[in-house]
């Protein structure tokens, strides 16, 4: 019995250490908690976020009929992402507030949700719609 206890102690210690590393690794992914949204800092200078905004507008233009019947805005021209949040999922989900110019020259704000799965090299636009937020300094 004592021999059995001695041989299981290293196994138990190893199991506990690995479990704690796994839990801390999952909840500490890039400083965010799994499932929780966090603000993206320096949005206007963040190249990745700006590229995701550009991607969102490009995908909207390619598939306008899928998004609220194109909203009657015609093709959009990307201006900038003004606000962004990210959420850890099976990859990263970005919630973007995008300013884009319509064909008649008006600037409008749109909300976009994009999922990036770097391991699979997949970027997917989930939603793109007019924003309920008012544009400041229009």
Protein backbone atom coordinates (compact mmCIF):
# COMPACT_ATOMS: atom_id res chain seq x y z
CA UNK A 1 0.00 0.00 0.00
CA UNK A 2 2.82 2.43 0.89
CA UNK A 3 4.55 1.57 -2.39
CA UNK A 4 1.34 2.37 -4.30
CA UNK A 5 1.04 5.74 -2.55
CA UNK A 6 4.67 6.64 -3.34
CA UNK A 7 4.26 5.86 -7.04
CA UNK A 8 1.02 7.84 -7.37
CA UNK A 9 2.37 11.03 -5.71
CA UNK A 10 4.52 12.11 -8.69
CA UNK A 11 1.63 11.32 -11.05
CA UNK A 12 -0.78 13.38 -8.94
CA UNK A 13 1.64 16.30 -8.68
CA UNK A 14 2.24 16.25 -12.43
CA UNK A 15 -1.51 16.08 -13.09
CA UNK A 16 -2.19 19.07 -10.82
CA UNK A 17 0.56 21.18 -12.39
CA UNK A 18 -0.61 20.39 -15.92
CA UNK A 19 -4.23 21.13 -15.00
CA UNK A 20 -3.29 24.51 -13.56
CA UNK A 21 -1.21 25.38 -16.62
CA UNK A 22 -4.07 24.43 -18.91
CA UNK A 23 -6.61 26.50 -16.97
CA UNK A 24 -4.32 29.54 -16.75
CA UNK A 25 -3.39 29.23 -20.42
CA UNK A 26 -7.02 29.15 -21.56
CA UNK A 27 -8.22 32.01 -19.38
CA UNK A 28 -5.14 34.14 -20.00
CA UNK A 29 -5.03 34.08 -23.81
CA UNK A 30 -3.56 37.49 -24.73
CA UNK A 31 -4.70 38.96 -21.46
CA UNK A 32 -8.40 38.36 -22.14
CA UNK A 33 -10.83 35.99 -20.60
CA UNK A 34 -12.36 33.37 -22.85
CA UNK A 35 -15.81 34.55 -23.90
CA UNK A 36 -15.40 38.07 -22.57
CA UNK A 37 -15.13 41.11 -24.84
CA UNK A 38 -12.26 43.54 -24.45
CA UNK A 39 -11.62 46.93 -26.02
CA UNK A 40 -8.95 47.15 -28.70
CA UNK A 41 -6.59 50.00 -27.90
CA UNK A 42 -5.18 52.40 -30.51
CA UNK A 43 -7.84 51.39 -33.05
CA UNK A 44 -6.95 54.09 -35.57
CA UNK A 45 -3.29 53.03 -35.69
CA UNK A 46 -3.90 49.28 -35.34
CA UNK A 47 -3.11 47.93 -38.83
CA UNK A 48 -4.82 44.57 -38.25
CA UNK A 49 -8.08 46.17 -37.11
CA UNK A 50 -8.05 48.64 -40.01
CA UNK A 51 -7.46 45.76 -42.45
CA UNK A 52 -10.40 43.87 -40.92
CA UNK A 53 -12.57 46.94 -41.48
CA UNK A 54 -11.41 47.15 -45.09
CA UNK A 55 -12.13 43.41 -45.47
CA UNK A 56 -15.65 43.91 -44.04
CA UNK A 57 -16.53 46.64 -46.55
CA UNK A 58 -15.04 44.63 -49.42
CA UNK A 59 -17.09 41.56 -48.46
CA UNK A 60 -20.22 43.68 -48.07
CA UNK A 61 -19.71 45.08 -51.56
CA UNK A 62 -19.19 41.59 -53.01
CA UNK A 63 -22.30 40.15 -51.34
CA UNK A 64 -24.57 43.20 -50.86
CA UNK A 65 -27.76 41.24 -51.57
CA UNK A 66 -27.15 39.10 -48.46
CA UNK A 67 -27.07 42.10 -46.10
CA UNK A 68 -30.44 43.81 -45.50
CA UNK A 69 -30.99 43.92 -49.29
CA UNK A 70 -27.95 46.12 -49.73
CA UNK A 71 -29.60 48.86 -47.71
CA UNK A 72 -30.00 50.95 -50.82
CA UNK A 73 -26.55 52.45 -50.24
CA UNK A 74 -24.85 50.93 -53.26
CA UNK A 75 -21.16 50.19 -53.02
CA UNK A 76 -19.29 51.54 -50.02
CA UNK A 77 -15.78 52.95 -49.76
CA UNK A 78 -13.92 52.12 -46.56
CA UNK A 79 -12.83 55.13 -44.50
CA UNK A 80 -11.72 53.81 -41.09
CA UNK A 81 -12.54 51.69 -38.07
CA UNK A 82 -13.31 54.04 -35.19
CA UNK A 83 -14.01 51.53 -32.41
CA UNK A 84 -13.30 47.84 -31.91
CA UNK A 85 -13.72 45.08 -29.38
CA UNK A 86 -12.42 41.53 -29.54
CA UNK A 87 -13.62 38.30 -28.01
CA UNK A 88 -11.75 35.02 -27.70
CA UNK A 89 -13.72 32.21 -29.35
CA UNK A 90 -12.30 29.44 -31.52
CA UNK A 91 -10.07 32.20 -32.86
CA UNK A 92 -10.83 35.89 -32.35
CA UNK A 93 -14.15 37.61 -32.98
CA UNK A 94 -13.94 41.33 -33.70
CA UNK A 95 -16.82 43.78 -33.24
CA UNK A 96 -16.06 46.81 -35.40
CA UNK A 97 -17.62 50.25 -35.82
CA UNK A 98 -16.70 51.28 -39.36
CA UNK A 99 -17.05 54.61 -41.14
CA UNK A 100 -17.63 54.19 -44.87
CA UNK A 101 -18.60 56.56 -47.67
CA UNK A 102 -21.68 55.77 -49.77
CA UNK A 103 -21.87 56.27 -53.54
CA UNK A 104 -23.57 59.64 -53.03
CA UNK A 105 -20.64 60.82 -50.87
CA UNK A 106 -22.26 60.57 -47.45
CA UNK A 107 -20.28 59.12 -44.57
CA UNK A 108 -22.16 56.50 -42.57
CA UNK A 109 -21.33 54.23 -39.66
CA UNK A 110 -21.71 50.45 -39.86
CA UNK A 111 -21.36 47.62 -37.37
CA UNK A 112 -19.43 44.58 -38.46
CA UNK A 113 -18.59 41.27 -36.81
CA UNK A 114 -15.60 39.35 -38.17
CA UNK A 115 -14.12 36.05 -37.00
CA UNK A 116 -10.42 35.36 -37.53
CA UNK A 117 -9.12 31.81 -37.15
CA UNK A 118 -5.36 32.16 -37.69
CA UNK A 119 -4.61 28.44 -37.46
CA UNK A 120 -7.01 27.75 -40.31
CA UNK A 121 -6.11 30.96 -42.17
CA UNK A 122 -9.80 31.89 -42.24
CA UNK A 123 -11.34 35.34 -41.95
CA UNK A 124 -15.13 35.44 -42.14
CA UNK A 125 -17.60 38.32 -42.14
CA UNK A 126 -20.55 37.34 -39.95
CA UNK A 127 -22.62 40.53 -39.96
CA UNK A 128 -22.55 43.96 -41.55
CA UNK A 129 -25.30 46.48 -40.88
CA UNK A 130 -25.98 50.17 -40.34
CA UNK A 131 -24.93 51.26 -36.87
CA UNK A 132 -27.32 52.58 -34.27
CA UNK A 133 -24.51 54.87 -33.06
CA UNK A 134 -24.49 58.46 -34.22
CA UNK A 135 -21.45 59.75 -36.07
CA UNK A 136 -19.70 62.57 -34.23
CA UNK A 137 -18.26 65.41 -36.30
CA UNK A 138 -20.12 64.41 -39.47
